[in-house]
C-alpha atoms as a PDB file:
ATOM      1  CA  MET A   1     -20.604  16.022 -14.872  1.00  0.00           C
ATOM      2  CA  ILE A   2     -17.512  13.984 -13.963  1.00  0.00           C
ATOM      3  CA  LYS A   3     -17.205  10.718 -15.888  1.00  0.00           C
ATOM      4  CA  LYS A   4     -14.780   7.837 -16.333  1.00  0.00           C
ATOM      5  CA  ASN A   5     -11.507   8.650 -18.164  1.00  0.00           C
ATOM      6  CA  ASP A   6     -11.793  12.395 -17.518  1.00  0.00           C
ATOM      7  CA  ILE A   7      -8.395  14.069 -16.974  1.00  0.00           C
ATOM      8  CA  LEU A   8      -8.631  16.650 -14.198  1.00  0.00           C
ATOM      9  CA  ASP A   9      -6.462  18.954 -12.112  1.00  0.00           C
ATOM     10  CA  LEU A  10      -7.125  19.166  -8.385  1.00  0.00           C
ATOM     11  CA  THR A  11      -5.566  19.781  -4.972  1.00  0.00           C
ATOM     12  CA  ILE A  12      -5.447  17.034  -2.349  1.00  0.00           C
ATOM     13  CA  GLU A  13      -7.240  18.425   0.702  1.00  0.00           C
ATOM     14  CA  ASP A  14      -7.613  15.434   3.035  1.00  0.00           C
ATOM     15  CA  LEU A  15      -6.843  11.732   3.500  1.00  0.00           C
ATOM     16  CA  GLY A  16      -9.330   8.863   3.522  1.00  0.00           C
ATOM     17  CA  VAL A  17      -9.404   6.067   6.091  1.00  0.00           C
ATOM     18  CA  ASN A  18      -7.010   3.949   4.001  1.00  0.00           C
ATOM     19  CA  GLY A  19      -4.567   6.790   3.359  1.00  0.00           C
ATOM     20  CA  GLU A  20      -5.845   7.734  -0.088  1.00  0.00           C
ATOM     21  CA  GLY A  21      -5.820  11.406  -1.013  1.00  0.00           C
ATOM     22  CA  ILE A  22      -9.117  13.281  -1.270  1.00  0.00           C
ATOM     23  CA  GLY A  23      -9.693  16.185  -3.638  1.00  0.00           C
ATOM     24  CA  LYS A  24     -12.715  17.951  -5.088  1.00  0.00           C
ATOM     25  CA  VAL A  25     -13.647  19.295  -8.528  1.00  0.00           C
ATOM     26  CA  ASP A  26     -16.722  21.536  -8.568  1.00  0.00           C
ATOM     27  CA  GLY A  27     -17.867  19.925  -5.323  1.00  0.00           C
ATOM     28  CA  TYR A  28     -17.389  16.367  -6.633  1.00  0.00           C
ATOM     29  CA  THR A  29     -15.173  14.212  -4.392  1.00  0.00           C
ATOM     30  CA  LEU A  30     -12.376  12.100  -5.862  1.00  0.00           C
ATOM     31  CA  PHE A  31     -10.266   9.554  -3.988  1.00  0.00           C
ATOM     32  CA  VAL A  32      -6.700   9.439  -5.298  1.00  0.00           C
ATOM     33  CA  LYS A  33      -4.292   6.702  -4.214  1.00  0.00           C
ATOM     34  CA  ASP A  34      -0.823   8.074  -3.314  1.00  0.00           C
ATOM     35  CA  GLY A  35      -2.113  11.616  -2.988  1.00  0.00           C
ATOM     36  CA  VAL A  36      -0.687  13.711  -0.132  1.00  0.00           C
ATOM     37  CA  ILE A  37      -2.460  16.656   1.505  1.00  0.00           C
ATOM     38  CA  GLY A  38      -1.232  19.769  -0.281  1.00  0.00           C
ATOM     39  CA  ASP A  39      -0.345  18.058  -3.575  1.00  0.00           C
ATOM     40  CA  LYS A  40      -1.493  19.781  -6.768  1.00  0.00           C
ATOM     41  CA  VAL A  41      -2.016  16.928  -9.208  1.00  0.00           C
ATOM     42  CA  THR A  42      -3.403  15.765 -12.522  1.00  0.00           C
ATOM     43  CA  VAL A  43      -5.569  12.656 -12.239  1.00  0.00           C
ATOM     44  CA  LYS A  44      -7.518  10.290 -14.487  1.00  0.00           C
ATOM     45  CA  VAL A  45     -10.977   9.238 -13.312  1.00  0.00           C
ATOM     46  CA  MET A  46     -11.167   5.430 -13.144  1.00  0.00           C
ATOM     47  CA  LYS A  47     -14.629   5.058 -11.627  1.00  0.00           C
ATOM     48  CA  ALA A  48     -17.350   7.678 -11.245  1.00  0.00           C
ATOM     49  CA  ASN A  49     -20.304   7.185  -8.898  1.00  0.00           C
ATOM     50  CA  LYS A  50     -23.070   9.725  -8.367  1.00  0.00           C
ATOM     51  CA  ASN A  51     -21.460  11.662  -5.518  1.00  0.00           C
ATOM     52  CA  PHE A  52     -17.840  10.497  -5.545  1.00  0.00           C
ATOM     53  CA  GLY A  53     -15.289   8.712  -7.675  1.00  0.00           C
ATOM     54  CA  PHE A  54     -11.847   7.125  -7.762  1.00  0.00           C
ATOM     55  CA  ALA A  55      -8.945   8.498  -9.783  1.00  0.00           C
ATOM     56  CA  ARG A  56      -5.403   7.492 -10.678  1.00  0.00           C
ATOM     57  CA  LEU A  57      -2.547   9.870  -9.991  1.00  0.00           C
ATOM     58  CA  MET A  58      -1.060  10.840 -13.354  1.00  0.00           C
ATOM     59  CA  GLU A  59       1.215  13.792 -12.541  1.00  0.00           C
ATOM     60  CA  ILE A  60       2.306  15.714  -9.466  1.00  0.00           C
ATOM     61  CA  LYS A  61       2.355  19.314 -10.682  1.00  0.00           C
ATOM     62  CA  GLU A  62       3.313  20.760  -7.305  1.00  0.00           C
ATOM     63  CA  PRO A  63       4.264  18.400  -4.461  1.00  0.00           C
ATOM     64  CA  SER A  64       3.088  18.845  -0.900  1.00  0.00           C
ATOM     65  CA  LYS A  65       5.625  19.978   1.705  1.00  0.00           C
ATOM     66  CA  ASP A  66       4.878  16.662   3.449  1.00  0.00           C
ATOM     67  CA  ARG A  67       5.617  14.466   0.412  1.00  0.00           C
ATOM     68  CA  VAL A  68       8.713  12.265   0.500  1.00  0.00           C
ATOM     69  CA  SER A  69      10.176   9.711  -1.900  1.00  0.00           C
ATOM     70  CA  PRO A  70       9.208   6.181  -0.774  1.00  0.00           C
ATOM     71  CA  ARG A  71      12.226   4.135   0.246  1.00  0.00           C
ATOM     72  CA  CYS A  72      10.691   1.005  -1.283  1.00  0.00           C
ATOM     73  CA  SER A  73      10.913   0.709  -5.075  1.00  0.00           C
ATOM     74  CA  VAL A  74       7.476  -0.970  -5.332  1.00  0.00           C
ATOM     75  CA  ALA A  75       5.633   1.075  -2.696  1.00  0.00           C
ATOM     76  CA  ARG A  76       3.186   2.524  -5.209  1.00  0.00           C
ATOM     77  CA  GLN A  77       2.248  -0.817  -6.811  1.00  0.00           C
ATOM     78  CA  CYS A  78       2.221  -2.851  -3.594  1.00  0.00           C
ATOM     79  CA  GLY A  79      -0.923  -2.911  -1.482  1.00  0.00           C
ATOM     80  CA  GLY A  80       0.970  -3.053   1.796  1.00  0.00           C
ATOM     81  CA  CYS A  81       2.216   0.504   2.335  1.00  0.00           C
ATOM     82  CA  GLN A  82      -0.436   3.095   1.541  1.00  0.00           C
ATOM     83  CA  ILE A  83       1.216   6.165   3.081  1.00  0.00           C
ATOM     84  CA  GLN A  84       4.967   5.683   2.550  1.00  0.00           C
ATOM     85  CA  CYS A  85       5.011   8.815   0.375  1.00  0.00           C
ATOM     86  CA  ILE A  86       4.088  10.942   3.425  1.00  0.00           C
ATOM     87  CA  ASN A  87       6.728  12.066   5.898  1.00  0.00           C
ATOM     88  CA  TYR A  88       6.755  10.082   9.122  1.00  0.00           C
ATOM     89  CA  LYS A  89       5.545  12.910  11.370  1.00  0.00           C
ATOM     90  CA  GLU A  90       2.419  13.295   9.236  1.00  0.00           C
ATOM     91  CA  GLN A  91       1.954   9.519   9.128  1.00  0.00           C
ATOM     92  CA  LEU A  92       1.723   9.526  12.925  1.00  0.00           C
ATOM     93  CA  ARG A  93      -0.752  12.414  12.834  1.00  0.00           C
ATOM     94  CA  PHE A  94      -2.875  10.498  10.295  1.00  0.00           C
ATOM     95  CA  LYS A  95      -2.894   7.378  12.492  1.00  0.00           C
ATOM     96  CA  LYS A  96      -3.812   9.371  15.588  1.00  0.00           C
ATOM     97  CA  ASN A  97      -6.729  10.998  13.766  1.00  0.00           C
ATOM     98  CA  LYS A  98      -7.889   7.633  12.468  1.00  0.00           C
ATOM     99  CA  VAL A  99      -8.019   6.124  15.962  1.00  0.00           C
ATOM    100  CA  TYR A 100      -9.654   9.269  17.368  1.00  0.00           C
ATOM    101  CA  ASN A 101     -12.373   9.257  14.714  1.00  0.00           C
ATOM    102  CA  ASN A 102     -13.045   5.557  15.291  1.00  0.00           C
ATOM    103  CA  LEU A 103     -13.464   6.139  19.019  1.00  0.00           C
ATOM    104  CA  VAL A 104     -15.850   9.041  18.417  1.00  0.00           C
ATOM    105  CA  ARG A 105     -17.838   7.872  15.399  1.00  0.00           C
ATOM    106  CA  ILE A 106     -17.904   4.123  15.962  1.00  0.00           C
ATOM    107  CA  GLY A 107     -17.319   3.882  19.698  1.00  0.00           C
ATOM    108  CA  GLY A 108     -19.532   6.806  20.623  1.00  0.00           C
ATOM    109  CA  GLN A 109     -16.904   8.180  23.000  1.00  0.00           C
ATOM    110  CA  SER A 110     -16.393  11.865  23.724  1.00  0.00           C
ATOM    111  CA  ASP A 111     -14.991  12.310  27.234  1.00  0.00           C
ATOM    112  CA  PHE A 112     -11.385  11.220  26.792  1.00  0.00           C
ATOM    113  CA  VAL A 113      -7.905  12.636  26.312  1.00  0.00           C
ATOM    114  CA  MET A 114      -5.801  11.285  23.465  1.00  0.00           C
ATOM    115  CA  ASN A 115      -2.028  11.664  23.567  1.00  0.00           C
ATOM    116  CA  ASP A 116       0.231  11.876  20.555  1.00  0.00           C
ATOM    117  CA  VAL A 117       1.380   8.635  18.942  1.00  0.00           C
ATOM    118  CA  MET A 118       4.783   7.443  20.123  1.00  0.00           C
ATOM    119  CA  GLY A 119       6.700   6.838  16.901  1.00  0.00           C
ATOM    120  CA  MET A 120       9.816   4.813  16.212  1.00  0.00           C
ATOM    121  CA  ASP A 121      13.336   6.141  15.789  1.00  0.00           C
ATOM    122  CA  GLU A 122      13.556   4.105  12.576  1.00  0.00           C
ATOM    123  CA  PRO A 123      10.170   3.109  11.091  1.00  0.00           C
ATOM    124  CA  PHE A 124      11.580   0.290   8.942  1.00  0.00           C
ATOM    125  CA  ASN A 125      12.889  -3.241   9.503  1.00  0.00           C
ATOM    126  CA  TYR A 126      10.849  -3.913  12.624  1.00  0.00           C
ATOM    127  CA  ARG A 127       8.410  -6.729  11.750  1.00  0.00           C
ATOM    128  CA  ASN A 128       9.515 -10.185  12.835  1.00  0.00           C
ATOM    129  CA  LYS A 129       7.022 -11.922  10.523  1.00  0.00           C
ATOM    130  CA  SER A 130       6.602 -11.732   6.753  1.00  0.00           C
ATOM    131  CA  GLN A 131       4.186 -13.621   4.518  1.00  0.00           C
ATOM    132  CA  PHE A 132       4.918 -13.877   0.803  1.00  0.00           C
ATOM    133  CA  PRO A 133       2.303 -15.128  -1.685  1.00  0.00           C
ATOM    134  CA  VAL A 134       3.764 -17.379  -4.368  1.00  0.00           C
ATOM    135  CA  GLY A 135       2.612 -17.663  -7.974  1.00  0.00           C
ATOM    136  CA  MET A 136       3.672 -17.824 -11.632  1.00  0.00           C
ATOM    137  CA  ASP A 137       4.394 -14.938 -13.967  1.00  0.00           C
ATOM    138  CA  LYS A 138       3.296 -14.820 -17.622  1.00  0.00           C
ATOM    139  CA  GLU A 139       6.480 -16.611 -18.690  1.00  0.00           C
ATOM    140  CA  GLY A 140       5.851 -19.495 -16.286  1.00  0.00           C
ATOM    141  CA  ASN A 141       8.492 -18.489 -13.747  1.00  0.00           C
ATOM    142  CA  ILE A 142       7.854 -18.847 -10.024  1.00  0.00           C
ATOM    143  CA  ILE A 143       7.514 -15.449  -8.372  1.00  0.00           C
ATOM    144  CA  SER A 144       6.889 -14.265  -4.838  1.00  0.00           C
ATOM    145  CA  GLY A 145       6.169 -10.874  -3.350  1.00  0.00           C
ATOM    146  CA  PHE A 146       3.077  -8.997  -2.237  1.00  0.00           C
ATOM    147  CA  TYR A 147      -0.352  -8.409  -3.674  1.00  0.00           C
ATOM    148  CA  ALA A 148      -1.065  -5.215  -5.558  1.00  0.00           C
ATOM    149  CA  GLY A 149      -3.753  -3.112  -3.888  1.00  0.00           C
ATOM    150  CA  ARG A 150      -7.229  -4.705  -3.938  1.00  0.00           C
ATOM    151  CA  THR A 151      -6.068  -7.542  -6.205  1.00  0.00           C
ATOM    152  CA  HIS A 152      -4.421 -10.953  -6.045  1.00  0.00           C
ATOM    153  CA  SER A 153      -1.839  -9.966  -8.658  1.00  0.00           C
ATOM    154  CA  ILE A 154       1.619 -10.514  -7.185  1.00  0.00           C
ATOM    155  CA  ILE A 155       4.189  -7.716  -7.295  1.00  0.00           C
ATOM    156  CA  GLY A 156       7.478  -9.620  -7.517  1.00  0.00           C
ATOM    157  CA  VAL A 157       9.860  -8.806  -4.654  1.00  0.00           C
ATOM    158  CA  ASP A 158      11.674 -11.089  -2.221  1.00  0.00           C
ATOM    159  CA  ASN A 159      12.106  -8.692   0.632  1.00  0.00           C
ATOM    160  CA  CYS A 160      10.174  -5.963   2.416  1.00  0.00           C
ATOM    161  CA  LEU A 161      11.691  -2.935   4.105  1.00  0.00           C
ATOM    162  CA  LEU A 162       9.312  -3.454   7.021  1.00  0.00           C
ATOM    163  CA  GLY A 163      10.705  -6.947   7.627  1.00  0.00           C
ATOM    164  CA  ILE A 164      13.439  -7.404  10.183  1.00  0.00           C
ATOM    165  CA  GLU A 165      17.066  -7.337   9.059  1.00  0.00           C
ATOM    166  CA  LYS A 166      19.252  -9.799  10.888  1.00  0.00           C
ATOM    167  CA  ASP A 167      22.622 -10.899   9.516  1.00  0.00           C
ATOM    168  CA  GLY A 168      21.726  -9.522   6.086  1.00  0.00           C
ATOM    169  CA  ASP A 169      18.709 -10.045   3.843  1.00  0.00           C
ATOM    170  CA  VAL A 170      17.145 -13.013   5.641  1.00  0.00           C
ATOM    171  CA  ASN A 171      13.793 -12.933   3.830  1.00  0.00           C
ATOM    172  CA  GLY A 172      15.385 -12.613   0.394  1.00  0.00           C
ATOM    173  CA  THR A 173      17.787 -15.482   1.079  1.00  0.00           C
ATOM    174  CA  ILE A 174      15.023 -17.782   2.318  1.00  0.00           C
ATOM    175  CA  MET A 175      12.714 -16.979  -0.597  1.00  0.00           C
ATOM    176  CA  HIS A 176      15.519 -17.683  -3.057  1.00  0.00           C
ATOM    177  CA  ILE A 177      16.107 -21.078  -1.406  1.00  0.00           C
ATOM    178  CA  VAL A 178      12.394 -21.942  -1.424  1.00  0.00           C
ATOM    179  CA  LYS A 179      11.921 -21.057  -5.110  1.00  0.00           C
ATOM    180  CA  THR A 180      15.090 -22.894  -6.116  1.00  0.00           C
ATOM    181  CA  PHE A 181      13.831 -25.981  -4.246  1.00  0.00           C
ATOM    182  CA  MET A 182      10.448 -25.699  -5.975  1.00  0.00           C
ATOM    183  CA  ASN A 183      12.098 -25.466  -9.395  1.00  0.00           C
ATOM    184  CA  ILE A 184      14.419 -28.425  -8.793  1.00  0.00           C
ATOM    185  CA  TYR A 185      11.618 -30.711  -7.601  1.00  0.00           C
ATOM    186  CA  ASN A 186       8.930 -29.325  -9.922  1.00  0.00           C
ATOM    187  CA  ILE A 187       6.705 -28.120  -7.084  1.00  0.00           C
ATOM    188  CA  LYS A 188       4.044 -25.785  -8.459  1.00  0.00           C
ATOM    189  CA  PRO A 189       2.588 -22.697  -6.791  1.00  0.00           C
ATOM    190  CA  TYR A 190      -1.106 -22.824  -6.036  1.00  0.00           C
ATOM    191  CA  ASP A 191      -3.263 -21.424  -8.859  1.00  0.00           C
ATOM    192  CA  GLU A 192      -6.421 -19.665  -7.632  1.00  0.00           C
ATOM    193  CA  LYS A 193      -8.155 -20.168 -10.989  1.00  0.00           C
ATOM    194  CA  THR A 194      -7.492 -23.883 -11.499  1.00  0.00           C
ATOM    195  CA  HIS A 195      -7.199 -24.741  -7.776  1.00  0.00           C
ATOM    196  CA  LYS A 196      -4.118 -26.786  -8.549  1.00  0.00           C
ATOM    197  CA  GLY A 197      -0.599 -26.520  -7.161  1.00  0.00           C
ATOM    198  CA  LEU A 198       0.886 -26.832  -3.693  1.00  0.00           C
ATOM    199  CA  VAL A 199       2.564 -23.684  -2.354  1.00  0.00           C
ATOM    200  CA  ARG A 200       0.316 -20.678  -1.774  1.00  0.00           C
ATOM    201  CA  HIS A 201       2.268 -18.619   0.772  1.00  0.00           C
ATOM    202  CA  VAL A 202       5.625 -18.718   2.523  1.00  0.00           C
ATOM    203  CA  LEU A 203       5.581 -17.387   6.079  1.00  0.00           C
ATOM    204  CA  ILE A 204       8.882 -16.385   7.651  1.00  0.00           C
ATOM    205  CA  ARG A 205       9.143 -15.590  11.343  1.00  0.00           C
ATOM    206  CA  ILE A 206      12.296 -14.616  13.241  1.00  0.00           C
END
């Protein structure tokens, strides 16, 4: 029986609706964040339910042919980009299948033709809006970035590769100015535990 903290070897066979890898051990299904179809991996079970569980990717023993190195240095920690480790062609296939399955399973549709997804020439630096949560680190310094997956813990970063680039690192420059201003005038980030502080998010739109 699979239980929490077990270390297991498995092959990623499919992707879940949120882009997590899916593998099986003796018929037991495990969801593995950052797994790519075709990966042979070692995982650690973090949560084990009766019929399925969730595991952390510990080692990629043999990478999938569709695996790529994420361009973003915090892609794995950040909760924003779940499939950046998959090549772009397969990302588009995953998104097409997700929409198709929603139309069939949720929408009850069957008599339709679905074309391929029209991708971008460059799938980065295209969003004209970015929202950065603001908080304090353990040393009491103001930080901004993005939430780690399924948490409100902030991964410190002042820019995002999906954000638009115009005349240099606009988002990074603005966030530096905002945090400097907050430090000079002793403006505190909002604290979700104490419900004190002023600045919760900074939204930048170009």
